[in-house]
Amino acid sequence: MPELSCTIRRIGDYESRTEEYEIAFATGETRRRLQVQYQAARAFEINAALDAAVEAARSVIVEASPDLKGPTDEALARFSWRSIQYAKYEEGEPRTSTLDI
């Protein structure tokens, strides 16, 4: 079963109320990078960041395996959010998570 990997590292000022992350999705040879930022107190900013992450993850999956339906957008959003939380306090150290697709 193919896997989607998500490598995240926090960038920017770690003491700031604005959280910034560099996210890289990959499956096989296909890769996508993006940067997101949000204030934790602003749900609409978090949702926009998660929407961008889902779009990037979906594009990686479709490009690598056009016939594969893959996980739902909700599952990709949960995966992205958990990956972000995993990297949140690592002060720039990249963290990688995987999801079976």
PDB file of N, CA and C in Angstrom:
ATOM      1  N   MET A   1       0.850  -1.176   0.000  1.00  0.00           N
ATOM      2  CA  MET A   1       0.000   0.000   0.000  1.00  0.00           C
ATOM      3  C   MET A   1       0.891   1.234   0.000  1.00  0.00           C
ATOM      4  N   PRO A   2       0.624   2.185  -0.903  1.00  0.00           N
ATOM      5  CA  PRO A   2       1.450   3.398  -0.927  1.00  0.00           C
ATOM      6  C   PRO A   2       1.247   4.243   0.322  1.00  0.00           C
ATOM      7  N   GLU A   3       2.255   5.042   0.606  1.00  0.00           N
ATOM      8  CA  GLU A   3       2.197   5.930   1.775  1.00  0.00           C
ATOM      9  C   GLU A   3       2.388   7.375   1.338  1.00  0.00           C
ATOM     10  N   LEU A   4       1.735   8.246   2.060  1.00  0.00           N
ATOM     11  CA  LEU A   4       1.938   9.681   1.917  1.00  0.00           C
ATOM     12  C   LEU A   4       2.765  10.112   3.116  1.00  0.00           C
ATOM     13  N   SER A   5       3.900  10.739   2.857  1.00  0.00           N
ATOM     14  CA  SER A   5       4.702  11.242   3.981  1.00  0.00           C
ATOM     15  C   SER A   5       4.530  12.756   4.060  1.00  0.00           C
ATOM     16  N   CYS A   6       4.594  13.241   5.269  1.00  0.00           N
ATOM     17  CA  CYS A   6       4.445  14.662   5.539  1.00  0.00           C
ATOM     18  C   CYS A   6       5.577  15.070   6.482  1.00  0.00           C
ATOM     19  N   THR A   7       6.481  15.899   5.973  1.00  0.00           N
ATOM     20  CA  THR A   7       7.582  16.402   6.790  1.00  0.00           C
ATOM     21  C   THR A   7       7.316  17.871   7.079  1.00  0.00           C
ATOM     22  N   ILE A   8       7.310  18.190   8.353  1.00  0.00           N
ATOM     23  CA  ILE A   8       6.986  19.555   8.781  1.00  0.00           C
ATOM     24  C   ILE A   8       8.082  20.075   9.698  1.00  0.00           C
ATOM     25  N   ARG A   9       8.389  21.336   9.508  1.00  0.00           N
ATOM     26  CA  ARG A   9       9.272  22.006  10.480  1.00  0.00           C
ATOM     27  C   ARG A   9       8.729  23.403  10.716  1.00  0.00           C
ATOM     28  N   ARG A  10       8.842  23.803  11.951  1.00  0.00           N
ATOM     29  CA  ARG A  10       8.383  25.138  12.318  1.00  0.00           C
ATOM     30  C   ARG A  10       9.452  26.137  11.939  1.00  0.00           C
ATOM     31  N   ILE A  11       9.028  27.242  11.364  1.00  0.00           N
ATOM     32  CA  ILE A  11       9.947  28.304  10.977  1.00  0.00           C
ATOM     33  C   ILE A  11       9.471  29.607  11.625  1.00  0.00           C
ATOM     34  N   GLY A  12      10.268  30.631  11.532  1.00  0.00           N
ATOM     35  CA  GLY A  12       9.867  31.922  12.088  1.00  0.00           C
ATOM     36  C   GLY A  12      10.191  32.023  13.562  1.00  0.00           C
ATOM     37  N   ASP A  13       9.595  32.999  14.199  1.00  0.00           N
ATOM     38  CA  ASP A  13       9.801  33.280  15.613  1.00  0.00           C
ATOM     39  C   ASP A  13       8.970  32.318  16.458  1.00  0.00           C
ATOM     40  N   TYR A  14       9.617  31.498  17.252  1.00  0.00           N
ATOM     41  CA  TYR A  14       8.915  30.488  18.052  1.00  0.00           C
ATOM     42  C   TYR A  14       8.123  31.101  19.207  1.00  0.00           C
ATOM     43  N   GLU A  15       8.408  32.333  19.549  1.00  0.00           N
ATOM     44  CA  GLU A  15       7.697  33.005  20.632  1.00  0.00           C
ATOM     45  C   GLU A  15       6.516  33.835  20.126  1.00  0.00           C
ATOM     46  N   SER A  16       6.394  33.954  18.821  1.00  0.00           N
ATOM     47  CA  SER A  16       5.344  34.768  18.225  1.00  0.00           C
ATOM     48  C   SER A  16       3.988  34.078  18.351  1.00  0.00           C
ATOM     49  N   ARG A  17       2.942  34.878  18.335  1.00  0.00           N
ATOM     50  CA  ARG A  17       1.580  34.321  18.342  1.00  0.00           C
ATOM     51  C   ARG A  17       1.238  33.729  16.971  1.00  0.00           C
ATOM     52  N   THR A  18       1.967  34.162  15.946  1.00  0.00           N
ATOM     53  CA  THR A  18       1.777  33.604  14.607  1.00  0.00           C
ATOM     54  C   THR A  18       2.694  32.403  14.444  1.00  0.00           C
ATOM     55  N   GLU A  19       2.097  31.263  14.142  1.00  0.00           N
ATOM     56  CA  GLU A  19       2.865  30.040  13.924  1.00  0.00           C
ATOM     57  C   GLU A  19       3.077  29.872  12.425  1.00  0.00           C
ATOM     58  N   GLU A  20       4.320  29.560  12.042  1.00  0.00           N
ATOM     59  CA  GLU A  20       4.667  29.375  10.636  1.00  0.00           C
ATOM     60  C   GLU A  20       5.326  28.017  10.468  1.00  0.00           C
ATOM     61  N   TYR A  21       4.934  27.323   9.391  1.00  0.00           N
ATOM     62  CA  TYR A  21       5.450  25.988   9.141  1.00  0.00           C
ATOM     63  C   TYR A  21       5.804  25.820   7.672  1.00  0.00           C
ATOM     64  N   GLU A  22       6.834  25.027   7.434  1.00  0.00           N
ATOM     65  CA  GLU A  22       7.177  24.571   6.098  1.00  0.00           C
ATOM     66  C   GLU A  22       6.744  23.108   6.041  1.00  0.00           C
ATOM     67  N   ILE A  23       5.915  22.784   5.052  1.00  0.00           N
ATOM     68  CA  ILE A  23       5.341  21.446   4.946  1.00  0.00           C
ATOM     69  C   ILE A  23       5.752  20.842   3.615  1.00  0.00           C
ATOM     70  N   ALA A  24       6.165  19.579   3.638  1.00  0.00           N
ATOM     71  CA  ALA A  24       6.509  18.852   2.415  1.00  0.00           C
ATOM     72  C   ALA A  24       5.754  17.530   2.406  1.00  0.00           C
ATOM     73  N   PHE A  25       4.943  17.340   1.369  1.00  0.00           N
ATOM     74  CA  PHE A  25       4.240  16.078   1.164  1.00  0.00           C
ATOM     75  C   PHE A  25       4.967  15.306   0.077  1.00  0.00           C
ATOM     76  N   ALA A  26       4.999  13.971   0.214  1.00  0.00           N
ATOM     77  CA  ALA A  26       5.645  13.149  -0.803  1.00  0.00           C
ATOM     78  C   ALA A  26       5.022  11.761  -0.828  1.00  0.00           C
ATOM     79  N   THR A  27       4.959  11.219  -2.022  1.00  0.00           N
ATOM     80  CA  THR A  27       4.642   9.813  -2.220  1.00  0.00           C
ATOM     81  C   THR A  27       5.375   9.386  -3.472  1.00  0.00           C
ATOM     82  N   GLY A  28       6.131   8.310  -3.365  1.00  0.00           N
ATOM     83  CA  GLY A  28       6.966   7.905  -4.498  1.00  0.00           C
ATOM     84  C   GLY A  28       7.944   9.013  -4.846  1.00  0.00           C
ATOM     85  N   GLU A  29       7.962   9.391  -6.105  1.00  0.00           N
ATOM     86  CA  GLU A  29       8.859  10.452  -6.568  1.00  0.00           C
ATOM     87  C   GLU A  29       8.192  11.831  -6.584  1.00  0.00           C
ATOM     88  N   THR A  30       6.921  11.890  -6.268  1.00  0.00           N
ATOM     89  CA  THR A  30       6.170  13.142  -6.332  1.00  0.00           C
ATOM     90  C   THR A  30       6.260  13.881  -5.004  1.00  0.00           C
ATOM     91  N   ARG A  31       6.566  15.177  -5.081  1.00  0.00           N
ATOM     92  CA  ARG A  31       6.718  15.998  -3.878  1.00  0.00           C
ATOM     93  C   ARG A  31       6.075  17.373  -4.074  1.00  0.00           C
ATOM     94  N   ARG A  32       5.572  17.924  -2.967  1.00  0.00           N
ATOM     95  CA  ARG A  32       5.038  19.291  -2.956  1.00  0.00           C
ATOM     96  C   ARG A  32       5.460  19.948  -1.643  1.00  0.00           C
ATOM     97  N   ARG A  33       5.856  21.207  -1.756  1.00  0.00           N
ATOM     98  CA  ARG A  33       6.218  21.989  -0.574  1.00  0.00           C
ATOM     99  C   ARG A  33       5.301  23.199  -0.494  1.00  0.00           C
ATOM    100  N   LEU A  34       5.011  23.593   0.736  1.00  0.00           N
ATOM    101  CA  LEU A  34       4.259  24.816   0.938  1.00  0.00           C
ATOM    102  C   LEU A  34       4.599  25.379   2.313  1.00  0.00           C
ATOM    103  N   GLN A  35       4.294  26.643   2.493  1.00  0.00           N
ATOM    104  CA  GLN A  35       4.441  27.284   3.785  1.00  0.00           C
ATOM    105  C   GLN A  35       3.074  27.786   4.209  1.00  0.00           C
ATOM    106  N   VAL A  36       2.784  27.597   5.478  1.00  0.00           N
ATOM    107  CA  VAL A  36       1.520  28.086   6.029  1.00  0.00           C
ATOM    108  C   VAL A  36       1.829  28.867   7.304  1.00  0.00           C
ATOM    109  N   GLN A  37       0.918  29.772   7.621  1.00  0.00           N
ATOM    110  CA  GLN A  37       1.024  30.500   8.889  1.00  0.00           C
ATOM    111  C   GLN A  37      -0.372  30.810   9.387  1.00  0.00           C
ATOM    112  N   TYR A  38      -0.486  30.875  10.688  1.00  0.00           N
ATOM    113  CA  TYR A  38      -1.779  31.188  11.295  1.00  0.00           C
ATOM    114  C   TYR A  38      -1.561  31.617  12.735  1.00  0.00           C
ATOM    115  N   GLN A  39      -2.544  32.321  13.277  1.00  0.00           N
ATOM    116  CA  GLN A  39      -2.571  32.592  14.712  1.00  0.00           C
ATOM    117  C   GLN A  39      -3.498  31.559  15.320  1.00  0.00           C
ATOM    118  N   ALA A  40      -3.048  30.922  16.374  1.00  0.00           N
ATOM    119  CA  ALA A  40      -3.824  29.844  16.989  1.00  0.00           C
ATOM    120  C   ALA A  40      -5.187  30.315  17.481  1.00  0.00           C
ATOM    121  N   ALA A  41      -5.342  31.594  17.751  1.00  0.00           N
ATOM    122  CA  ALA A  41      -6.622  32.119  18.235  1.00  0.00           C
ATOM    123  C   ALA A  41      -7.603  32.402  17.098  1.00  0.00           C
ATOM    124  N   ARG A  42      -7.173  32.218  15.874  1.00  0.00           N
ATOM    125  CA  ARG A  42      -8.025  32.540  14.732  1.00  0.00           C
ATOM    126  C   ARG A  42      -8.347  31.273  13.941  1.00  0.00           C
ATOM    127  N   ALA A  43      -9.515  30.732  14.194  1.00  0.00           N
ATOM    128  CA  ALA A  43      -9.917  29.473  13.564  1.00  0.00           C
ATOM    129  C   ALA A  43      -9.925  29.578  12.040  1.00  0.00           C
ATOM    130  N   PHE A  44     -10.329  30.728  11.514  1.00  0.00           N
ATOM    131  CA  PHE A  44     -10.381  30.855  10.056  1.00  0.00           C
ATOM    132  C   PHE A  44      -8.990  30.764   9.439  1.00  0.00           C
ATOM    133  N   GLU A  45      -7.962  31.230  10.145  1.00  0.00           N
ATOM    134  CA  GLU A  45      -6.592  31.115   9.640  1.00  0.00           C
ATOM    135  C   GLU A  45      -6.117  29.670   9.700  1.00  0.00           C
ATOM    136  N   ILE A  46      -6.468  28.971  10.760  1.00  0.00           N
ATOM    137  CA  ILE A  46      -6.116  27.553  10.877  1.00  0.00           C
ATOM    138  C   ILE A  46      -6.792  26.770   9.757  1.00  0.00           C
ATOM    139  N   ASN A  47      -8.073  27.030   9.538  1.00  0.00           N
ATOM    140  CA  ASN A  47      -8.803  26.329   8.482  1.00  0.00           C
ATOM    141  C   ASN A  47      -8.205  26.605   7.109  1.00  0.00           C
ATOM    142  N   ALA A  48      -7.801  27.833   6.848  1.00  0.00           N
ATOM    143  CA  ALA A  48      -7.185  28.175   5.566  1.00  0.00           C
ATOM    144  C   ALA A  48      -5.856  27.431   5.394  1.00  0.00           C
ATOM    145  N   ALA A  49      -5.074  27.335   6.470  1.00  0.00           N
ATOM    146  CA  ALA A  49      -3.808  26.603   6.414  1.00  0.00           C
ATOM    147  C   ALA A  49      -4.054  25.120   6.156  1.00  0.00           C
ATOM    148  N   LEU A  50      -5.056  24.556   6.820  1.00  0.00           N
ATOM    149  CA  LEU A  50      -5.378  23.143   6.612  1.00  0.00           C
ATOM    150  C   LEU A  50      -5.915  22.902   5.205  1.00  0.00           C
ATOM    151  N   ASP A  51      -6.706  23.821   4.683  1.00  0.00           N
ATOM    152  CA  ASP A  51      -7.202  23.692   3.309  1.00  0.00           C
ATOM    153  C   ASP A  51      -6.043  23.672   2.312  1.00  0.00           C
ATOM    154  N   ALA A  52      -5.059  24.533   2.522  1.00  0.00           N
ATOM    155  CA  ALA A  52      -3.885  24.568   1.642  1.00  0.00           C
ATOM    156  C   ALA A  52      -3.099  23.260   1.747  1.00  0.00           C
ATOM    157  N   ALA A  53      -2.977  22.724   2.958  1.00  0.00           N
ATOM    158  CA  ALA A  53      -2.263  21.463   3.157  1.00  0.00           C
ATOM    159  C   ALA A  53      -3.006  20.312   2.477  1.00  0.00           C
ATOM    160  N   VAL A  54      -4.315  20.274   2.610  1.00  0.00           N
ATOM    161  CA  VAL A  54      -5.119  19.217   1.966  1.00  0.00           C
ATOM    162  C   VAL A  54      -4.976  19.308   0.450  1.00  0.00           C
ATOM    163  N   GLU A  55      -5.019  20.497  -0.090  1.00  0.00           N
ATOM    164  CA  GLU A  55      -4.883  20.681  -1.536  1.00  0.00           C
ATOM    165  C   GLU A  55      -3.518  20.179  -2.019  1.00  0.00           C
ATOM    166  N   ALA A  56      -2.459  20.487  -1.281  1.00  0.00           N
ATOM    167  CA  ALA A  56      -1.119  20.028  -1.655  1.00  0.00           C
ATOM    168  C   ALA A  56      -1.011  18.511  -1.548  1.00  0.00           C
ATOM    169  N   ALA A  57      -1.539  17.947  -0.467  1.00  0.00           N
ATOM    170  CA  ALA A  57      -1.495  16.493  -0.294  1.00  0.00           C
ATOM    171  C   ALA A  57      -2.283  15.797  -1.395  1.00  0.00           C
ATOM    172  N   ARG A  58      -3.463  16.316  -1.703  1.00  0.00           N
ATOM    173  CA  ARG A  58      -4.299  15.717  -2.754  1.00  0.00           C
ATOM    174  C   ARG A  58      -3.585  15.771  -4.099  1.00  0.00           C
ATOM    175  N   SER A  59      -2.922  16.879  -4.412  1.00  0.00           N
ATOM    176  CA  SER A  59      -2.227  16.993  -5.699  1.00  0.00           C
ATOM    177  C   SER A  59      -1.082  15.981  -5.805  1.00  0.00           C
ATOM    178  N   VAL A  60      -0.405  15.719  -4.691  1.00  0.00           N
ATOM    179  CA  VAL A  60       0.666  14.717  -4.685  1.00  0.00           C
ATOM    180  C   VAL A  60       0.086  13.327  -4.959  1.00  0.00           C
ATOM    181  N   ILE A  61      -1.016  13.011  -4.301  1.00  0.00           N
ATOM    182  CA  ILE A  61      -1.644  11.708  -4.470  1.00  0.00           C
ATOM    183  C   ILE A  61      -2.119  11.523  -5.907  1.00  0.00           C
ATOM    184  N   VAL A  62      -2.795  12.522  -6.461  1.00  0.00           N
ATOM    185  CA  VAL A  62      -3.337  12.429  -7.818  1.00  0.00           C
ATOM    186  C   VAL A  62      -2.215  12.325  -8.852  1.00  0.00           C
ATOM    187  N   GLU A  63      -1.155  13.097  -8.678  1.00  0.00           N
ATOM    188  CA  GLU A  63      -0.054  13.054  -9.634  1.00  0.00           C
ATOM    189  C   GLU A  63       0.666  11.710  -9.584  1.00  0.00           C
ATOM    190  N   ALA A  64       0.841  11.161  -8.386  1.00  0.00           N
ATOM    191  CA  ALA A  64       1.552   9.886  -8.247  1.00  0.00           C
ATOM    192  C   ALA A  64       0.711   8.709  -8.722  1.00  0.00           C
ATOM    193  N   SER A  65      -0.588   8.730  -8.440  1.00  0.00           N
ATOM    194  CA  SER A  65      -1.486   7.627  -8.786  1.00  0.00           C
ATOM    195  C   SER A  65      -2.854   8.184  -9.177  1.00  0.00           C
ATOM    196  N   PRO A  66      -3.034   8.570 -10.434  1.00  0.00           N
ATOM    197  CA  PRO A  66      -4.291   9.198 -10.848  1.00  0.00           C
ATOM    198  C   PRO A  66      -5.541   8.352 -10.577  1.00  0.00           C
ATOM    199  N   ASP A  67      -5.415   7.041 -10.576  1.00  0.00           N
ATOM    200  CA  ASP A  67      -6.574   6.171 -10.347  1.00  0.00           C
ATOM    201  C   ASP A  67      -6.891   5.979  -8.873  1.00  0.00           C
ATOM    202  N   LEU A  68      -5.976   6.352  -8.013  1.00  0.00           N
ATOM    203  CA  LEU A  68      -6.165   6.152  -6.577  1.00  0.00           C
ATOM    204  C   LEU A  68      -7.073   7.235  -6.004  1.00  0.00           C
ATOM    205  N   LYS A  69      -8.134   6.820  -5.355  1.00  0.00           N
ATOM    206  CA  LYS A  69      -9.052   7.779  -4.730  1.00  0.00           C
ATOM    207  C   LYS A  69      -8.433   8.358  -3.459  1.00  0.00           C
ATOM    208  N   GLY A  70      -7.693   7.534  -2.749  1.00  0.00           N
ATOM    209  CA  GLY A  70      -6.997   7.995  -1.563  1.00  0.00           C
ATOM    210  C   GLY A  70      -7.917   8.348  -0.415  1.00  0.00           C
ATOM    211  N   PRO A  71      -7.371   8.903   0.632  1.00  0.00           N
ATOM    212  CA  PRO A  71      -8.168   9.292   1.804  1.00  0.00           C
ATOM    213  C   PRO A  71      -9.062  10.494   1.505  1.00  0.00           C
ATOM    214  N   THR A  72     -10.056  10.671   2.346  1.00  0.00           N
ATOM    215  CA  THR A  72     -10.956  11.822   2.208  1.00  0.00           C
ATOM    216  C   THR A  72     -10.222  13.106   2.568  1.00  0.00           C
ATOM    217  N   ASP A  73     -10.805  14.225   2.186  1.00  0.00           N
ATOM    218  CA  ASP A  73     -10.218  15.515   2.560  1.00  0.00           C
ATOM    219  C   ASP A  73     -10.189  15.665   4.080  1.00  0.00           C
ATOM    220  N   GLU A  74     -11.210  15.156   4.745  1.00  0.00           N
ATOM    221  CA  GLU A  74     -11.244  15.218   6.213  1.00  0.00           C
ATOM    222  C   GLU A  74     -10.076  14.438   6.816  1.00  0.00           C
ATOM    223  N   ALA A  75      -9.808  13.262   6.281  1.00  0.00           N
ATOM    224  CA  ALA A  75      -8.690  12.452   6.786  1.00  0.00           C
ATOM    225  C   ALA A  75      -7.356  13.152   6.525  1.00  0.00           C
ATOM    226  N   LEU A  76      -7.223  13.788   5.360  1.00  0.00           N
ATOM    227  CA  LEU A  76      -5.988  14.525   5.058  1.00  0.00           C
ATOM    228  C   LEU A  76      -5.839  15.743   5.963  1.00  0.00           C
ATOM    229  N   ALA A  77      -6.940  16.411   6.291  1.00  0.00           N
ATOM    230  CA  ALA A  77      -6.883  17.557   7.207  1.00  0.00           C
ATOM    231  C   ALA A  77      -6.462  17.103   8.602  1.00  0.00           C
ATOM    232  N   ARG A  78      -7.036  15.996   9.069  1.00  0.00           N
ATOM    233  CA  ARG A  78      -6.646  15.458  10.394  1.00  0.00           C
ATOM    234  C   ARG A  78      -5.178  15.073  10.411  1.00  0.00           C
ATOM    235  N   PHE A  79      -4.737  14.399   9.349  1.00  0.00           N
ATOM    236  CA  PHE A  79      -3.335  13.994   9.231  1.00  0.00           C
ATOM    237  C   PHE A  79      -2.419  15.218   9.250  1.00  0.00           C
ATOM    238  N   SER A  80      -2.777  16.243   8.493  1.00  0.00           N
ATOM    239  CA  SER A  80      -1.965  17.468   8.450  1.00  0.00           C
ATOM    240  C   SER A  80      -1.931  18.152   9.812  1.00  0.00           C
ATOM    241  N   TRP A  81      -3.075  18.263  10.478  1.00  0.00           N
ATOM    242  CA  TRP A  81      -3.144  18.924  11.777  1.00  0.00           C
ATOM    243  C   TRP A  81      -2.319  18.176  12.811  1.00  0.00           C
ATOM    244  N   ARG A  82      -2.440  16.867  12.828  1.00  0.00           N
ATOM    245  CA  ARG A  82      -1.651  16.078  13.789  1.00  0.00           C
ATOM    246  C   ARG A  82      -0.160  16.208  13.510  1.00  0.00           C
ATOM    247  N   SER A  83       0.198  16.258  12.238  1.00  0.00           N
ATOM    248  CA  SER A  83       1.607  16.417  11.880  1.00  0.00           C
ATOM    249  C   SER A  83       2.134  17.778  12.326  1.00  0.00           C
ATOM    250  N   ILE A  84       1.319  18.813  12.150  1.00  0.00           N
ATOM    251  CA  ILE A  84       1.709  20.150  12.604  1.00  0.00           C
ATOM    252  C   ILE A  84       1.901  20.154  14.117  1.00  0.00           C
ATOM    253  N   GLN A  85       0.977  19.563  14.841  1.00  0.00           N
ATOM    254  CA  GLN A  85       1.072  19.534  16.297  1.00  0.00           C
ATOM    255  C   GLN A  85       2.298  18.750  16.760  1.00  0.00           C
ATOM    256  N   TYR A  86       2.665  17.724  16.020  1.00  0.00           N
ATOM    257  CA  TYR A  86       3.843  16.913  16.331  1.00  0.00           C
ATOM    258  C   TYR A  86       5.119  17.754  16.225  1.00  0.00           C
ATOM    259  N   ALA A  87       5.143  18.695  15.278  1.00  0.00           N
ATOM    260  CA  ALA A  87       6.336  19.513  15.050  1.00  0.00           C
ATOM    261  C   ALA A  87       6.321  20.835  15.801  1.00  0.00           C
ATOM    262  N   LYS A  88       5.214  21.159  16.431  1.00  0.00           N
ATOM    263  CA  LYS A  88       5.009  22.490  17.018  1.00  0.00           C
ATOM    264  C   LYS A  88       6.098  22.935  17.994  1.00  0.00           C
ATOM    265  N   TYR A  89       6.520  22.082  18.886  1.00  0.00           N
ATOM    266  CA  TYR A  89       7.469  22.480  19.926  1.00  0.00           C
ATOM    267  C   TYR A  89       8.890  21.979  19.663  1.00  0.00           C
ATOM    268  N   GLU A  90       9.186  21.615  18.437  1.00  0.00           N
ATOM    269  CA  GLU A  90      10.503  21.072  18.110  1.00  0.00           C
ATOM    270  C   GLU A  90      11.514  22.128  17.694  1.00  0.00           C
ATOM    271  N   GLU A  91      11.108  23.399  17.693  1.00  0.00           N
ATOM    272  CA  GLU A  91      11.989  24.536  17.411  1.00  0.00           C
ATOM    273  C   GLU A  91      12.818  24.352  16.140  1.00  0.00           C
ATOM    274  N   GLY A  92      12.122  24.011  15.054  1.00  0.00           N
ATOM    275  CA  GLY A  92      12.790  23.942  13.761  1.00  0.00           C
ATOM    276  C   GLY A  92      13.254  22.578  13.323  1.00  0.00           C
ATOM    277  N   GLU A  93      13.229  21.613  14.212  1.00  0.00           N
ATOM    278  CA  GLU A  93      13.614  20.258  13.828  1.00  0.00           C
ATOM    279  C   GLU A  93      12.486  19.652  12.995  1.00  0.00           C
ATOM    280  N   PRO A  94      12.796  19.105  11.814  1.00  0.00           N
ATOM    281  CA  PRO A  94      11.737  18.522  11.001  1.00  0.00           C
ATOM    282  C   PRO A  94      11.208  17.219  11.603  1.00  0.00           C
ATOM    283  N   ARG A  95       9.930  17.006  11.460  1.00  0.00           N
ATOM    284  CA  ARG A  95       9.262  15.791  11.924  1.00  0.00           C
ATOM    285  C   ARG A  95       8.495  15.207  10.757  1.00  0.00           C
ATOM    286  N   THR A  96       8.582  13.895  10.585  1.00  0.00           N
ATOM    287  CA  THR A  96       7.911  13.230   9.477  1.00  0.00           C
ATOM    288  C   THR A  96       6.866  12.260   9.998  1.00  0.00           C
ATOM    289  N   SER A  97       5.697  12.312   9.376  1.00  0.00           N
ATOM    290  CA  SER A  97       4.615  11.389   9.664  1.00  0.00           C
ATOM    291  C   SER A  97       4.213  10.727   8.351  1.00  0.00           C
ATOM    292  N   THR A  98       3.608   9.552   8.434  1.00  0.00           N
ATOM    293  CA  THR A  98       3.158   8.867   7.219  1.00  0.00           C
ATOM    294  C   THR A  98       1.697   8.446   7.373  1.00  0.00           C
ATOM    295  N   LEU A  99       1.042   8.325   6.223  1.00  0.00           N
ATOM    296  CA  LEU A  99      -0.354   7.912   6.159  1.00  0.00           C
ATOM    297  C   LEU A  99      -0.486   6.922   5.011  1.00  0.00           C
ATOM    298  N   ASP A 100      -1.070   5.757   5.271  1.00  0.00           N
ATOM    299  CA  ASP A 100      -1.344   4.799   4.213  1.00  0.00           C
ATOM    300  C   ASP A 100      -2.427   5.357   3.311  1.00  0.00           C
ATOM    301  N   ILE A 101      -2.169   5.324   2.011  1.00  0.00           N
ATOM    302  CA  ILE A 101      -3.169   5.822   1.069  1.00  0.00           C
ATOM    303  C   ILE A 101      -3.613   4.695   0.182  1.00  0.00           C
TER     304      ILE A 101
END
